[in-house]
Amino acid sequence: MASKNLRLVPLGGLGEIGKNMMSVEYGENLIVVDAGIMFPENDMLGIDYIIPDFRYLKERKDKVRGIVITHGHEDHTGAIRHLLEDIPAPIYATKLTRGLLEVKLSRGGMLKEAKLNTVRAGESLELGPFKVEFFHVCHSIPDCVGLGITTPAGLVVHTGDYKFDHTPVDGWPTDFGKLGELGGRGVLALLADSTNADEPGWTPSEAVIDPAFDAVFREAKGRILIGTFASLISRMQQAAQAAARHGRKLTFVGTSMQENAKMARKLGYLDIPDELLVTPEEAFKLKPNKVVLMCTGSQGEPSSILGRLSTSTNRQFDLLPGDTVVLSSHPIPGNEEMVHRTINRLFQHGAEVIYDPIAAVHVSGHASQEEMKVMLQLVRPKFFVPIHGELRHLKQHAALAREIGLQDSAIAVVENGRVIEFRDGKMSIGERVPGGYVFVDGSGVGDIGPKVMREREALAKDGFVVIHLALDGQNGTLARDPEIVSKGFVFVRDAEELFEHARRRIKELAKKTEPGDLKEEIEKDLTRFFYGETKRRPMVLVFASAQS
């Protein structure tokens, strides 16, 4: 007989910002909520992005009744292609979110195979023993939903990313009535967004951006470049309205930005007149004070438009003196250094850079502390699980829950992979399942592990030294002096004496070491030697070839 426990298994987004994913499981059935990516941290050299560890789901793929996506941001949708490769379950998303998924899947050649289904806020669907009700929430992208998931063990409310914005760009505020109605039924567990749990007060409305954009547009003498996420449809609408008010044309630069804007206009989520839009090629021919370019790069990503402009490696166009660059986003935690470096480079190129907190050109899409308390009061859960945030955010959200009366025993602060179980109206913390990082590097998925990352870090820090040994094919002795090549360690012409000393050590070792142990002994000895001489630890690699 199948277990009657309700199991919540966080596979991403708990203990970190990004790669959000939650499994909701009862008996022989489970549904997956979101499948996001996470941007690499500064020390994750060469990594494109990070996805959740799907092993738990792959072992149970026959139990997966559906994948429910709360909204279209990358930290909730970016891993969908990788998930579908292993688990071809049906996907349920609102119209705009589905459109963004279609753009993403078509790029990966998986659109035809995907089983995409459109849902609307206010609707519900049955997935095995689960009844999933969709309710609208405000965020920084239209068509976001939270979930009321009725299970045989009780009602679970998943907020998705949300805030209580009374003047949202799309005019559609969070559904307070539905939250109150769910709370009135009796909620077993609330899973609520914790991203801004350390921010006091209320998150400002998206409406504050309009006057900030107007101020920037009035002052700008040349072109205006607005950097933001390619999926931030609300910001596209605000940029278009500001461009129209100030007599400028608007263009979207970059494939992802163009594809998402085209799709959002087609579905009716972007209201931009044809006469306001121009192609990038047309924009470059206009007077600088008559154009707005919207592009990616607000997180300082090296491959983005703004990232390439800051390093003069963008192929389509360069920065011009008098350009104004607006960064309309907050740095994702861990990205601050990269963003600041990009801002400094843009200034060096002669651009005027506007960013928060210089001006209110961005507001968060996540609830702050007072909104979180309102959510808890509306839903009145028996148990509370803070989600979507680093451990410090989850802990602070738990503290807010205690302020409004929840006991410690009713709050579960857990990180990825820690199972939360509900049985007979009681909550317990279960076993731990795989919930770590899976690195995506180029076309490789999961083939880069901690050992390779440590090697990359060592190479980046101290470089490497390669030693080639030519050995006599008859007796294994050195046939000639060792060759030494160095990269990223020391400038060769300044290190002739150092390397000559290293060659002498190699010759001495060759005289007293068995041929089979020679490579290992040289690596160990020279690692110690180089550190003693330079206080650096280059990676020492020894190769040998037999000479006839």
Protein backbone atom coordinates (compact mmCIF):
# COMPACT_ATOMS: atom_id res chain seq x y z
CA MET A 1 0.00 0.00 0.00
CA ALA A 2 1.35 3.45 -0.98
CA SER A 3 2.34 5.87 1.76
CA LYS A 4 -0.38 8.31 2.79
CA ASN A 5 2.17 10.98 3.62
CA LEU A 6 2.14 14.28 1.79
CA ARG A 7 5.74 15.04 0.91
CA LEU A 8 7.17 18.40 -0.10
CA VAL A 9 10.60 18.06 -1.66
CA PRO A 10 12.40 21.34 -2.46
CA LEU A 11 14.90 20.76 -5.27
CA GLY A 12 15.87 24.39 -5.81
CA GLY A 13 15.36 27.89 -4.44
CA LEU A 14 15.70 27.10 -0.73
CA GLY A 15 19.06 28.32 0.53
CA GLU A 16 19.78 30.30 -2.65
CA ILE A 17 18.34 32.86 -5.06
CA GLY A 18 17.29 31.06 -8.24
CA LYS A 19 16.72 27.60 -9.75
CA ASN A 20 13.33 27.37 -8.04
CA MET A 21 11.72 23.93 -8.06
CA MET A 22 9.36 22.12 -5.66
CA SER A 23 7.98 18.58 -5.80
CA VAL A 24 4.59 17.94 -4.17
CA GLU A 25 4.07 14.21 -3.68
CA TYR A 26 1.25 12.02 -2.35
CA GLY A 27 1.35 8.24 -2.66
CA GLU A 28 2.21 7.29 -6.25
CA ASN A 29 1.63 10.78 -7.62
CA LEU A 30 3.60 14.01 -7.73
CA ILE A 31 3.52 17.39 -9.40
CA VAL A 32 6.47 19.69 -10.01
CA VAL A 33 6.18 23.44 -9.42
CA ASP A 34 8.64 25.48 -11.54
CA ALA A 35 11.96 24.52 -13.14
CA GLY A 36 14.37 27.44 -12.92
CA ILE A 37 18.03 28.24 -13.39
CA MET A 38 20.50 30.09 -11.22
CA PHE A 39 23.23 32.45 -12.40
CA PRO A 40 26.78 31.32 -11.55
CA GLU A 41 28.62 32.96 -8.69
CA ASN A 42 31.90 34.82 -9.28
CA ASP A 43 34.07 31.81 -8.42
CA MET A 44 32.19 29.44 -10.78
CA LEU A 45 34.57 30.01 -13.67
CA GLY A 46 33.30 29.18 -17.15
CA ILE A 47 29.85 28.08 -15.98
CA ASP A 48 26.93 29.36 -18.08
CA TYR A 49 24.19 28.63 -15.54
CA ILE A 50 23.11 26.13 -12.88
CA ILE A 51 20.06 23.87 -12.87
CA PRO A 52 18.50 21.75 -10.10
CA ASP A 53 19.57 18.17 -9.51
CA PHE A 54 16.73 16.14 -11.08
CA ARG A 55 17.82 12.72 -9.82
CA TYR A 56 14.95 12.46 -7.32
CA LEU A 57 12.42 13.17 -10.07
CA LYS A 58 14.10 10.92 -12.66
CA GLU A 59 13.77 7.98 -10.27
CA ARG A 60 10.03 8.75 -10.00
CA LYS A 61 9.28 10.00 -13.50
CA ASP A 62 6.32 7.60 -13.87
CA LYS A 63 4.69 9.35 -10.90
CA VAL A 64 4.93 12.87 -12.36
CA ARG A 65 1.39 14.00 -13.28
CA GLY A 66 2.35 17.47 -14.44
CA ILE A 67 4.74 20.43 -14.30
CA VAL A 68 3.14 23.69 -13.17
CA ILE A 69 4.95 26.96 -13.92
CA THR A 70 4.01 30.01 -11.84
CA HIS A 71 5.47 32.69 -14.16
CA GLY A 72 7.90 33.35 -16.98
CA HIS A 73 11.14 34.45 -15.33
CA GLU A 74 14.32 32.45 -15.95
CA ASP A 75 14.69 31.44 -12.29
CA HIS A 76 11.37 29.57 -12.68
CA THR A 77 11.49 28.43 -16.33
CA GLY A 78 15.14 28.30 -17.44
CA ALA A 79 15.66 24.58 -16.75
CA ILE A 80 12.49 23.38 -18.49
CA ARG A 81 14.33 22.02 -21.53
CA HIS A 82 16.68 19.97 -19.36
CA LEU A 83 13.78 18.67 -17.26
CA LEU A 84 11.75 17.60 -20.30
CA GLU A 85 14.69 15.63 -21.68
CA ASP A 86 14.33 13.28 -18.70
CA ILE A 87 10.68 13.76 -17.71
CA PRO A 88 8.33 14.45 -20.68
CA ALA A 89 5.37 15.37 -18.46
CA PRO A 90 2.62 17.82 -19.48
CA ILE A 91 3.26 21.48 -18.64
CA TYR A 92 0.62 23.91 -17.34
CA ALA A 93 1.16 27.65 -17.55
CA THR A 94 -0.73 30.90 -18.14
CA LYS A 95 -0.84 32.34 -21.66
CA LEU A 96 2.15 34.68 -21.39
CA THR A 97 4.23 32.14 -19.46
CA ARG A 98 3.40 29.52 -22.09
CA GLY A 99 4.48 31.96 -24.81
CA LEU A 100 7.84 32.49 -23.11
CA LEU A 101 8.24 28.73 -22.73
CA GLU A 102 7.50 28.26 -26.43
CA VAL A 103 10.23 30.74 -27.36
CA LYS A 104 12.65 28.91 -25.08
CA LEU A 105 11.74 25.41 -26.28
CA SER A 106 11.75 26.35 -29.95
CA ARG A 107 15.35 27.53 -29.58
CA GLY A 108 16.26 24.11 -28.19
CA GLY A 109 14.30 22.24 -30.89
CA MET A 110 11.90 20.74 -28.33
CA LEU A 111 8.69 22.65 -28.96
CA LYS A 112 6.98 19.92 -31.01
CA GLU A 113 7.53 17.27 -28.34
CA ALA A 114 6.44 19.46 -25.39
CA LYS A 115 2.91 18.97 -24.04
CA LEU A 116 2.01 22.59 -23.27
CA ASN A 117 -1.36 23.49 -21.76
CA THR A 118 -2.76 26.97 -21.09
CA VAL A 119 -4.43 27.81 -17.77
CA ARG A 120 -5.90 31.06 -16.45
CA ALA A 121 -6.04 32.66 -13.03
CA GLY A 122 -9.38 31.63 -11.53
CA GLU A 123 -9.33 28.19 -13.15
CA SER A 124 -8.48 24.82 -11.63
CA LEU A 125 -7.36 21.44 -12.90
CA GLU A 126 -7.11 17.87 -11.61
CA LEU A 127 -3.72 16.16 -11.68
CA GLY A 128 -4.04 12.72 -10.09
CA PRO A 129 -5.16 13.26 -6.48
CA PHE A 130 -4.28 16.97 -6.66
CA LYS A 131 -6.68 19.78 -7.45
CA VAL A 132 -4.65 22.84 -8.46
CA GLU A 133 -6.38 26.24 -8.29
CA PHE A 134 -4.67 29.22 -9.94
CA PHE A 135 -4.96 32.72 -8.48
CA HIS A 136 -3.42 35.92 -9.81
CA VAL A 137 -0.49 37.57 -8.03
CA CYS A 138 1.46 40.72 -8.91
CA HIS A 139 5.13 40.45 -9.71
CA SER A 140 7.41 42.23 -12.20
CA ILE A 141 6.01 40.30 -15.16
CA PRO A 142 2.34 39.90 -16.17
CA ASP A 143 0.26 36.72 -15.85
CA CYS A 144 1.82 35.39 -12.63
CA VAL A 145 -0.09 32.91 -10.50
CA GLY A 146 0.00 31.42 -7.06
CA LEU A 147 -1.36 27.93 -6.43
CA GLY A 148 -3.92 26.43 -4.11
CA ILE A 149 -3.14 22.68 -4.15
CA THR A 150 -5.80 20.50 -2.56
CA THR A 151 -4.35 17.12 -1.56
CA PRO A 152 -5.85 14.19 0.37
CA ALA A 153 -3.77 15.38 3.35
CA GLY A 154 -4.92 19.00 3.23
CA LEU A 155 -4.68 22.29 1.34
CA VAL A 156 -1.26 23.67 0.39
CA VAL A 157 -0.86 27.28 -0.80
CA HIS A 158 2.18 28.16 -2.93
CA THR A 159 2.49 31.92 -3.46
CA GLY A 160 4.97 31.87 -6.34
CA ASP A 161 6.82 35.19 -6.55
CA TYR A 162 4.46 37.96 -5.46
CA LYS A 163 3.94 41.41 -4.04
CA PHE A 164 0.86 43.46 -3.12
CA ASP A 165 0.95 46.19 -5.79
CA HIS A 166 -2.24 48.29 -5.93
CA THR A 167 -1.15 50.10 -9.13
CA PRO A 168 0.54 47.42 -11.28
CA VAL A 169 1.52 48.12 -14.89
CA ASP A 170 -1.13 45.73 -16.24
CA GLY A 171 -3.84 47.03 -13.87
CA TRP A 172 -4.39 43.57 -12.35
CA PRO A 173 -3.67 43.49 -8.59
CA THR A 174 -3.05 40.39 -6.48
CA ASP A 175 -6.25 38.43 -5.77
CA PHE A 176 -6.81 39.21 -2.07
CA GLY A 177 -10.28 37.68 -2.23
CA LYS A 178 -9.00 34.27 -3.32
CA LEU A 179 -6.28 34.29 -0.67
CA GLY A 180 -8.91 35.05 1.98
CA GLU A 181 -11.19 32.32 0.62
CA LEU A 182 -8.38 29.76 0.72
CA GLY A 183 -7.55 30.84 4.26
CA GLY A 184 -11.19 30.39 5.24
CA ARG A 185 -11.11 26.76 4.11
CA GLY A 186 -8.25 25.89 6.41
CA VAL A 187 -4.72 25.76 4.98
CA LEU A 188 -2.45 22.92 6.04
CA ALA A 189 0.76 24.59 4.78
CA LEU A 190 1.78 27.90 3.24
CA LEU A 191 4.86 28.00 0.99
CA ALA A 192 5.70 31.70 0.58
CA ASP A 193 8.32 33.74 -1.29
CA SER A 194 11.10 34.97 1.04
CA THR A 195 13.31 36.96 -1.35
CA ASN A 196 12.80 40.31 0.40
CA ALA A 197 12.32 39.02 3.95
CA ASP A 198 15.01 41.38 5.24
CA GLU A 199 13.40 44.47 3.62
CA PRO A 200 11.16 46.43 6.05
CA GLY A 201 7.87 48.01 5.06
CA TRP A 202 6.15 47.61 1.69
CA THR A 203 7.70 47.14 -1.73
CA PRO A 204 7.03 50.22 -3.90
CA SER A 205 4.61 49.92 -6.78
CA GLU A 206 5.81 49.50 -10.36
CA ALA A 207 4.11 52.87 -10.94
CA VAL A 208 7.05 54.75 -9.34
CA ILE A 209 9.19 53.84 -12.34
CA ASP A 210 7.17 56.00 -14.75
CA PRO A 211 8.20 59.37 -13.24
CA ALA A 212 11.79 58.11 -12.88
CA PHE A 213 11.85 57.19 -16.58
CA ASP A 214 10.37 60.59 -17.44
CA ALA A 215 13.18 62.35 -15.53
CA VAL A 216 15.83 60.30 -17.35
CA PHE A 217 14.22 60.90 -20.75
CA ARG A 218 14.03 64.67 -20.15
CA GLU A 219 17.70 64.92 -19.22
CA ALA A 220 19.19 62.54 -21.82
CA LYS A 221 20.89 64.36 -24.69
CA GLY A 222 21.71 61.30 -26.78
CA ARG A 223 20.55 57.70 -27.11
CA ILE A 224 18.93 55.93 -24.17
CA LEU A 225 19.84 52.27 -23.60
CA ILE A 226 17.66 50.42 -21.08
CA GLY A 227 19.15 47.20 -19.75
CA THR A 228 16.88 44.66 -18.12
CA PHE A 229 15.92 40.97 -18.25
CA ALA A 230 14.64 39.70 -21.59
CA SER A 231 11.51 38.37 -19.88
CA LEU A 232 10.63 41.60 -18.03
CA ILE A 233 7.57 42.38 -20.16
CA SER A 234 6.22 45.03 -17.75
CA ARG A 235 9.42 47.06 -18.13
CA MET A 236 9.15 46.84 -21.92
CA GLN A 237 5.68 48.39 -21.69
CA GLN A 238 6.89 51.20 -19.43
CA ALA A 239 9.84 51.93 -21.74
CA ALA A 240 7.50 52.08 -24.74
CA GLN A 241 5.15 54.49 -22.98
CA ALA A 242 8.05 56.73 -21.92
CA ALA A 243 9.45 56.70 -25.48
CA ALA A 244 6.06 57.76 -26.87
CA ARG A 245 5.70 60.57 -24.31
CA HIS A 246 9.13 61.98 -25.22
CA GLY A 247 9.03 61.63 -29.00
CA ARG A 248 11.52 58.77 -29.32
CA LYS A 249 11.41 55.53 -31.31
CA LEU A 250 11.93 52.20 -29.55
CA THR A 251 13.89 49.16 -30.67
CA PHE A 252 14.66 45.84 -29.02
CA VAL A 253 18.25 44.64 -29.40
CA GLY A 254 19.30 41.01 -29.03
CA THR A 255 17.58 37.78 -30.06
CA SER A 256 15.98 36.91 -26.72
CA MET A 257 14.64 40.43 -26.18
CA GLN A 258 13.25 40.60 -29.73
CA GLU A 259 11.62 37.16 -29.59
CA ASN A 260 9.97 37.77 -26.22
CA ALA A 261 8.70 41.22 -27.25
CA LYS A 262 7.27 39.83 -30.51
CA MET A 263 5.52 37.02 -28.65
CA ALA A 264 4.13 39.34 -25.93
CA ARG A 265 2.76 41.77 -28.54
CA LYS A 266 1.14 38.89 -30.44
CA LEU A 267 -0.59 37.65 -27.27
CA GLY A 268 -1.71 41.14 -26.25
CA TYR A 269 0.54 41.61 -23.21
CA LEU A 270 2.52 44.42 -24.84
CA ASP A 271 0.57 47.37 -26.22
CA ILE A 272 3.08 49.07 -28.54
CA PRO A 273 1.90 50.81 -31.74
CA ASP A 274 3.69 49.76 -34.92
CA GLU A 275 4.75 53.33 -35.63
CA LEU A 276 6.66 53.51 -32.32
CA LEU A 277 8.84 50.49 -33.11
CA VAL A 278 11.84 50.45 -35.43
CA THR A 279 14.42 47.80 -36.25
CA PRO A 280 17.91 48.13 -34.74
CA GLU A 281 19.28 48.99 -38.20
CA GLU A 282 16.75 51.82 -38.53
CA ALA A 283 17.48 53.01 -34.98
CA PHE A 284 21.19 53.41 -35.71
CA LYS A 285 20.34 55.84 -38.55
CA LEU A 286 18.13 58.08 -36.37
CA LYS A 287 19.36 61.11 -34.47
CA PRO A 288 20.67 59.94 -31.07
CA ASN A 289 18.07 62.00 -29.17
CA LYS A 290 15.25 60.25 -31.03
CA VAL A 291 15.86 56.63 -30.09
CA VAL A 292 15.60 54.19 -27.17
CA LEU A 293 17.37 50.82 -27.33
CA MET A 294 16.16 48.12 -24.96
CA CYS A 295 18.66 45.30 -24.39
CA THR A 296 19.94 42.67 -21.99
CA GLY A 297 22.82 43.07 -19.57
CA SER A 298 21.48 44.50 -16.33
CA GLN A 299 23.34 41.76 -14.39
CA GLY A 300 26.68 42.52 -16.04
CA GLU A 301 26.71 39.23 -17.95
CA PRO A 302 29.77 39.23 -20.25
CA SER A 303 27.81 37.79 -23.19
CA SER A 304 24.92 40.29 -22.94
CA ILE A 305 24.58 43.43 -25.07
CA LEU A 306 25.59 45.81 -22.27
CA GLY A 307 28.35 43.47 -21.15
CA ARG A 308 29.84 43.45 -24.64
CA LEU A 309 29.38 47.21 -25.04
CA SER A 310 31.32 47.77 -21.82
CA THR A 311 34.29 45.81 -23.21
CA SER A 312 34.01 47.10 -26.82
CA THR A 313 33.28 43.61 -28.15
CA ASN A 314 29.71 44.15 -29.39
CA ARG A 315 29.54 43.52 -33.14
CA GLN A 316 26.35 45.38 -34.10
CA PHE A 317 27.10 48.80 -32.57
CA ASP A 318 29.27 50.65 -30.04
CA LEU A 319 28.56 53.14 -27.29
CA LEU A 320 28.51 56.79 -28.36
CA PRO A 321 29.57 59.82 -26.33
CA GLY A 322 26.43 61.18 -24.69
CA ASP A 323 24.63 57.81 -24.44
CA THR A 324 22.57 57.29 -21.27
CA VAL A 325 22.46 53.71 -19.95
CA VAL A 326 19.64 52.78 -17.57
CA LEU A 327 20.03 49.56 -15.55
CA SER A 328 16.46 48.62 -14.67
CA SER A 329 17.03 45.77 -12.23
CA HIS A 330 18.61 45.00 -8.87
CA PRO A 331 21.79 42.89 -8.88
CA ILE A 332 21.04 39.29 -8.06
CA PRO A 333 22.86 38.36 -4.82
CA GLY A 334 26.36 37.29 -5.81
CA ASN A 335 26.30 39.41 -9.00
CA GLU A 336 27.06 42.74 -7.34
CA GLU A 337 30.75 42.75 -8.25
CA MET A 338 30.06 41.94 -11.90
CA VAL A 339 27.36 44.62 -12.15
CA HIS A 340 29.57 47.29 -10.55
CA ARG A 341 32.45 46.39 -12.86
CA THR A 342 30.16 46.79 -15.89
CA ILE A 343 28.90 50.16 -14.61
CA ASN A 344 32.47 51.39 -14.20
CA ARG A 345 33.39 50.29 -17.73
CA LEU A 346 30.32 52.01 -19.19
CA PHE A 347 31.38 55.23 -17.45
CA GLN A 348 34.88 54.80 -18.90
CA HIS A 349 33.34 54.72 -22.38
CA GLY A 350 31.72 58.10 -21.77
CA ALA A 351 28.17 56.93 -21.04
CA GLU A 352 25.96 58.36 -18.31
CA VAL A 353 24.80 55.41 -16.22
CA ILE A 354 21.56 55.53 -14.21
CA TYR A 355 20.91 52.72 -11.76
CA ASP A 356 19.16 52.07 -8.48
CA PRO A 357 19.71 53.70 -5.96
CA ILE A 358 20.78 56.70 -8.09
CA ALA A 359 17.21 56.86 -9.39
CA ALA A 360 14.06 54.75 -8.95
CA VAL A 361 14.46 53.08 -12.35
CA HIS A 362 13.70 49.68 -10.86
CA VAL A 363 11.56 48.32 -8.05
CA SER A 364 11.53 44.80 -6.72
CA GLY A 365 8.83 42.36 -7.76
CA HIS A 366 8.90 40.67 -4.36
CA ALA A 367 6.96 41.33 -1.16
CA SER A 368 8.67 43.09 1.74
CA GLN A 369 8.09 42.36 5.43
CA GLU A 370 4.69 44.02 5.91
CA GLU A 371 3.29 42.31 2.81
CA MET A 372 4.60 38.98 4.08
CA LYS A 373 2.74 39.50 7.34
CA VAL A 374 -0.45 40.31 5.42
CA MET A 375 -0.04 37.09 3.39
CA LEU A 376 0.33 35.06 6.57
CA GLN A 377 -2.74 36.74 8.11
CA LEU A 378 -4.86 36.19 5.01
CA VAL A 379 -3.96 32.52 4.58
CA ARG A 380 -3.72 31.62 8.30
CA PRO A 381 -1.81 28.35 7.71
CA LYS A 382 -1.38 25.61 10.27
CA PHE A 383 2.22 25.15 9.09
CA PHE A 384 4.57 27.52 7.30
CA VAL A 385 7.50 26.81 4.94
CA PRO A 386 9.48 29.85 3.75
CA ILE A 387 10.74 29.33 0.16
CA HIS A 388 12.66 31.26 -2.53
CA GLY A 389 15.64 32.76 -0.75
CA GLU A 390 19.03 32.29 0.82
CA LEU A 391 19.08 30.81 4.30
CA ARG A 392 19.21 34.30 5.85
CA HIS A 393 15.96 35.19 4.01
CA LEU A 394 14.23 31.96 5.09
CA LYS A 395 15.26 32.55 8.72
CA GLN A 396 14.01 36.14 8.66
CA HIS A 397 10.70 35.07 7.10
CA ALA A 398 10.32 32.50 9.88
CA ALA A 399 10.90 35.29 12.43
CA LEU A 400 8.06 37.30 10.84
CA ALA A 401 5.79 34.26 11.12
CA ARG A 402 6.61 33.98 14.82
CA GLU A 403 5.72 37.66 15.26
CA ILE A 404 2.17 36.98 14.11
CA GLY A 405 1.72 33.98 16.38
CA LEU A 406 3.06 30.82 14.70
CA GLN A 407 5.06 28.54 16.99
CA ASP A 408 8.53 27.21 16.13
CA SER A 409 7.07 23.72 15.79
CA ALA A 410 4.78 24.99 13.01
CA ILE A 411 7.63 26.46 10.91
CA ALA A 412 10.01 24.46 8.73
CA VAL A 413 13.16 26.27 7.61
CA VAL A 414 14.90 23.80 5.30
CA GLU A 415 17.34 23.87 2.41
CA ASN A 416 17.23 22.06 -0.92
CA GLY A 417 16.81 18.30 -0.71
CA ARG A 418 15.33 18.17 2.80
CA VAL A 419 11.96 16.40 2.70
CA ILE A 420 9.02 17.85 4.65
CA GLU A 421 6.28 15.33 5.46
CA PHE A 422 2.70 15.77 6.63
CA ARG A 423 0.78 12.86 8.15
CA ASP A 424 -2.40 12.96 10.20
CA GLY A 425 -2.20 16.75 10.45
CA LYS A 426 1.36 16.75 11.79
CA MET A 427 4.55 17.99 10.16
CA SER A 428 7.97 16.36 10.34
CA ILE A 429 11.32 16.80 8.62
CA GLY A 430 12.31 13.67 6.72
CA GLU A 431 15.37 12.38 4.91
CA ARG A 432 17.62 14.35 2.60
CA VAL A 433 17.61 13.70 -1.15
CA PRO A 434 20.01 15.09 -3.80
CA GLY A 435 19.41 18.83 -4.09
CA GLY A 436 22.72 20.34 -5.12
CA TYR A 437 24.07 22.16 -8.16
CA VAL A 438 24.20 20.79 -11.69
CA PHE A 439 26.51 22.97 -13.77
CA VAL A 440 25.78 23.74 -17.43
CA ASP A 441 28.95 24.61 -19.35
CA GLY A 442 28.46 24.98 -23.10
CA SER A 443 26.76 21.79 -24.28
CA GLY A 444 27.82 19.88 -21.18
CA VAL A 445 25.22 19.28 -18.46
CA GLY A 446 26.36 17.88 -15.14
CA ASP A 447 29.80 16.80 -16.38
CA ILE A 448 31.51 19.59 -14.44
CA GLY A 449 31.83 18.73 -10.76
CA PRO A 450 33.52 20.19 -7.67
CA LYS A 451 36.93 18.74 -8.63
CA VAL A 452 36.90 20.50 -12.02
CA MET A 453 35.72 23.74 -10.38
CA ARG A 454 38.61 23.54 -7.90
CA GLU A 455 41.03 22.97 -10.78
CA ARG A 456 39.63 26.00 -12.65
CA GLU A 457 39.98 28.11 -9.53
CA ALA A 458 43.58 27.01 -9.09
CA LEU A 459 44.36 27.72 -12.75
CA ALA A 460 42.78 31.15 -12.53
CA LYS A 461 44.64 31.98 -9.34
CA ASP A 462 48.18 30.74 -10.00
CA GLY A 463 48.30 29.41 -13.58
CA PHE A 464 50.07 26.22 -14.61
CA VAL A 465 53.46 24.79 -15.50
CA VAL A 466 53.78 22.01 -18.07
CA ILE A 467 56.91 19.85 -18.08
CA HIS A 468 57.74 17.56 -20.97
CA LEU A 469 60.20 14.71 -20.33
CA ALA A 470 61.93 12.98 -23.22
CA LEU A 471 62.86 9.52 -21.87
CA ASP A 472 65.23 7.00 -23.39
CA GLY A 473 63.14 4.16 -24.77
CA GLN A 474 65.67 1.54 -23.62
CA ASN A 475 66.31 2.44 -19.96
CA GLY A 476 63.80 5.20 -19.08
CA THR A 477 66.46 7.82 -18.28
CA LEU A 478 66.26 11.43 -19.46
CA ALA A 479 67.27 11.66 -23.12
CA ARG A 480 67.61 15.46 -23.02
CA ASP A 481 66.90 18.45 -20.79
CA PRO A 482 63.24 18.77 -19.70
CA GLU A 483 61.12 21.33 -21.54
CA ILE A 484 59.14 23.73 -19.30
CA VAL A 485 56.18 25.80 -20.47
CA SER A 486 54.32 28.21 -18.17
CA LYS A 487 50.99 30.06 -18.55
CA GLY A 488 49.55 32.43 -15.97
CA PHE A 489 52.31 31.73 -13.45
CA VAL A 490 55.35 33.92 -14.20
CA PHE A 491 56.61 35.80 -17.23
CA VAL A 492 59.05 33.36 -18.83
CA ARG A 493 61.88 35.82 -19.52
CA ASP A 494 61.79 36.89 -15.86
CA ALA A 495 61.87 33.29 -14.69
CA GLU A 496 64.84 31.79 -16.57
CA GLU A 497 66.78 31.24 -13.36
CA LEU A 498 63.72 29.75 -11.60
CA PHE A 499 63.09 27.28 -14.42
CA GLU A 500 66.78 26.39 -14.74
CA HIS A 501 66.76 25.52 -11.04
CA ALA A 502 63.62 23.43 -11.66
CA ARG A 503 65.37 21.53 -14.48
CA ARG A 504 68.28 20.68 -12.16
CA ARG A 505 65.81 19.33 -9.56
CA ILE A 506 64.12 17.21 -12.24
CA LYS A 507 67.49 15.74 -13.31
CA GLU A 508 68.37 14.88 -9.70
CA LEU A 509 64.98 13.21 -9.19
CA ALA A 510 65.38 11.25 -12.44
CA LYS A 511 68.62 9.73 -11.15
CA LYS A 512 67.11 8.32 -7.95
CA THR A 513 63.45 7.64 -8.84
CA GLU A 514 61.95 4.62 -10.55
CA PRO A 515 60.62 5.57 -14.03
CA GLY A 516 57.07 4.57 -13.07
CA ASP A 517 57.05 7.01 -10.13
CA LEU A 518 58.93 9.86 -11.81
CA LYS A 519 55.98 11.96 -13.01
CA GLU A 520 54.26 11.92 -9.61
CA GLU A 521 57.47 12.74 -7.73
CA ILE A 522 58.28 15.67 -10.04
CA GLU A 523 54.76 17.12 -9.64
CA LYS A 524 54.99 16.96 -5.84
CA ASP A 525 58.56 18.26 -5.63
CA LEU A 526 58.08 21.20 -8.04
CA THR A 527 54.79 22.22 -6.42
CA ARG A 528 56.69 22.61 -3.13
CA PHE A 529 59.64 24.26 -4.88
CA PHE A 530 57.58 26.87 -6.75
CA TYR A 531 55.63 27.74 -3.60
CA GLY A 532 58.85 28.15 -1.64
CA GLU A 533 60.30 30.47 -4.28
CA THR A 534 57.19 32.48 -5.29
CA LYS A 535 54.49 31.81 -2.65
CA ARG A 536 52.26 30.67 -5.52
CA ARG A 537 50.86 27.21 -6.24
CA PRO A 538 50.67 26.71 -10.01
CA MET A 539 49.19 23.47 -11.29
CA VAL A 540 52.19 21.31 -12.29
CA LEU A 541 51.57 18.85 -15.14
CA VAL A 542 54.22 16.36 -16.25
CA PHE A 543 54.15 14.54 -19.60
CA ALA A 544 56.67 11.97 -20.80
CA SER A 545 57.41 10.48 -24.22
CA ALA A 546 59.81 7.70 -25.13
CA GLN A 547 62.65 8.48 -27.56
CA SER A 548 64.02 5.73 -29.77
